[in-house]
Structure formats: structure tokens, C-alpha cells
Amino acid sequence: MASKASVRTLPIADEDIDAAFAYLFQEAPQAAADFLDGLEGIEKRLSAFPRSGSIVQEEPYHRLGYRYVLLMGYYVFYRIEHDNVWILRVLHEKRNYTRLL
């Protein structure tokens, strides 16, 4: 990809982000703000360097090209399709993501 990729978020990932923000805000408002700032940074990074995340090793996600970036204990799962990076889910590291993707 010579030009920057367009980063898009699936509706279910938006729901994940809202839930994570709400939880973090209850526990520590500054952590919630840091979480949103971190997501913004990840989106910028993925736009410029879509392949910068780690590859999910479990099947069928490995074969499907799923990648992830870790942010404050949350996995940000994404896939690259043409000139788009699709954020698929944002799940806490303690959740069984293989059942939720």
C-alpha cells in the first residue's frame, strides 16, 4: 500500500469500545481518556503501517489474515482488505477471543 489505508470500525467493535470506555471511566476517568487517545494513535499507526500488528496464530483467524494490537489490556483485532483496515473487535485480554471473533 503506497498511500495511507483507510481505517474503519465495525459496529460491534464500536460497541466493544463503548463498553471498555464505560468500564474504565467508572474505575479511573483518566484511564478511559488514555484508552481513547491510545485508540486514536493505533488508528493513525494502522493507516500508515497496516501490517504493523501481530498476526493471530489461532485458526481460522490466522488463515483469514486477522491481526491485533494490544492497548491497555485490550486486543484490537483487525483485518486488511485492499486499501482498508477494518477494526473487527476490541476485547479485554482475559476474554476468550477465539469464541468472540
Protein backbone atom coordinates (compact mmCIF):
# COMPACT_ATOMS: atom_id res chain seq x y z
CA MET A 1 0.00 0.00 0.00
CA ALA A 2 1.72 3.14 -1.20
CA SER A 3 -0.88 5.55 0.14
CA LYS A 4 -2.39 5.56 3.59
CA ALA A 5 -5.03 2.98 4.34
CA SER A 6 -8.49 4.00 5.43
CA VAL A 7 -9.22 2.72 8.96
CA ARG A 8 -12.83 1.69 9.52
CA THR A 9 -14.54 0.20 12.55
CA LEU A 10 -17.28 -2.42 12.51
CA PRO A 11 -20.37 -1.59 14.59
CA ILE A 12 -19.63 -4.44 17.01
CA ALA A 13 -16.14 -3.02 17.57
CA ASP A 14 -17.72 0.37 18.31
CA GLU A 15 -19.87 -1.39 20.93
CA ASP A 16 -16.73 -3.01 22.38
CA ILE A 17 -15.04 0.40 22.58
CA ASP A 18 -18.07 1.96 24.28
CA ALA A 19 -18.20 -0.85 26.84
CA ALA A 20 -14.47 -0.65 27.57
CA PHE A 21 -14.63 3.13 27.91
CA ALA A 22 -17.61 2.93 30.29
CA TYR A 23 -15.86 0.36 32.46
CA LEU A 24 -12.59 2.28 32.54
CA PHE A 25 -14.37 5.56 33.24
CA GLN A 26 -16.04 4.07 36.32
CA GLU A 27 -12.72 2.78 37.61
CA ALA A 28 -10.44 5.67 36.59
CA PRO A 29 -11.59 8.51 34.31
CA GLN A 30 -8.03 9.32 33.24
CA ALA A 31 -7.53 5.70 32.14
CA ALA A 32 -10.65 5.99 29.97
CA ALA A 33 -9.27 9.14 28.34
CA ASP A 34 -5.90 7.42 27.83
CA PHE A 35 -7.71 4.47 26.23
CA LEU A 36 -9.40 6.72 23.65
CA ASP A 37 -6.13 8.53 22.97
CA GLY A 38 -4.43 5.16 22.51
CA LEU A 39 -7.09 4.04 20.03
CA GLU A 40 -6.60 7.22 18.05
CA GLY A 41 -2.86 6.53 17.96
CA ILE A 42 -3.45 2.95 16.83
CA GLU A 43 -5.72 4.14 14.02
CA LYS A 44 -3.03 6.55 12.81
CA ARG A 45 -0.37 3.85 13.02
CA LEU A 46 -2.51 1.31 11.16
CA SER A 47 -3.32 3.86 8.48
CA ALA A 48 0.37 4.37 7.79
CA PHE A 49 1.59 0.83 8.60
CA PRO A 50 -1.30 -1.64 8.27
CA ARG A 51 0.89 -4.70 8.74
CA SER A 52 2.44 -3.43 11.98
CA GLY A 53 0.22 -5.54 14.25
CA SER A 54 0.91 -9.11 15.25
CA ILE A 55 -0.69 -11.97 13.34
CA VAL A 56 -3.30 -14.02 15.21
CA GLN A 57 -1.91 -17.57 15.37
CA GLU A 58 -5.13 -19.48 16.03
CA GLU A 59 -7.12 -20.88 13.13
CA PRO A 60 -9.21 -19.95 11.27
CA TYR A 61 -8.17 -16.38 12.15
CA HIS A 62 -4.57 -16.86 11.01
CA ARG A 63 -5.70 -18.07 7.60
CA LEU A 64 -8.17 -15.17 7.35
CA GLY A 65 -5.41 -12.61 7.96
CA TYR A 66 -6.52 -11.38 11.39
CA ARG A 67 -4.03 -9.18 13.21
CA TYR A 68 -4.02 -7.43 16.55
CA VAL A 69 -2.50 -4.63 18.55
CA LEU A 70 -2.53 -4.61 22.35
CA LEU A 71 -3.75 -1.48 24.14
CA MET A 72 -4.03 -1.24 27.93
CA GLY A 73 -5.04 -4.88 28.31
CA TYR A 74 -7.35 -4.88 25.28
CA TYR A 75 -6.74 -6.63 21.99
CA VAL A 76 -7.64 -4.50 18.98
CA PHE A 77 -8.33 -7.08 16.27
CA TYR A 78 -8.26 -6.01 12.64
CA ARG A 79 -8.03 -7.19 9.07
CA ILE A 80 -6.58 -5.60 5.97
CA GLU A 81 -8.77 -5.59 2.85
CA HIS A 82 -7.41 -3.74 -0.18
CA ASP A 83 -6.83 -0.14 0.99
CA ASN A 84 -8.93 -0.54 4.14
CA VAL A 85 -8.07 -1.62 7.65
CA TRP A 86 -11.18 -2.97 9.37
CA ILE A 87 -11.18 -2.93 13.16
CA LEU A 88 -13.20 -6.03 13.95
CA ARG A 89 -13.34 -6.26 17.75
CA VAL A 90 -11.77 -4.66 20.83
CA LEU A 91 -11.70 -7.31 23.55
CA HIS A 92 -10.16 -7.48 27.02
CA GLU A 93 -7.18 -9.81 27.16
CA LYS A 94 -8.89 -12.06 29.75
CA ARG A 95 -11.82 -12.83 27.44
CA ASN A 96 -11.83 -15.90 25.24
CA TYR A 97 -11.41 -14.04 21.98
CA THR A 98 -11.46 -17.16 19.83
CA ARG A 99 -15.13 -17.59 20.71
CA LEU A 100 -15.94 -13.90 20.17
CA LEU A 101 -14.29 -13.13 16.85
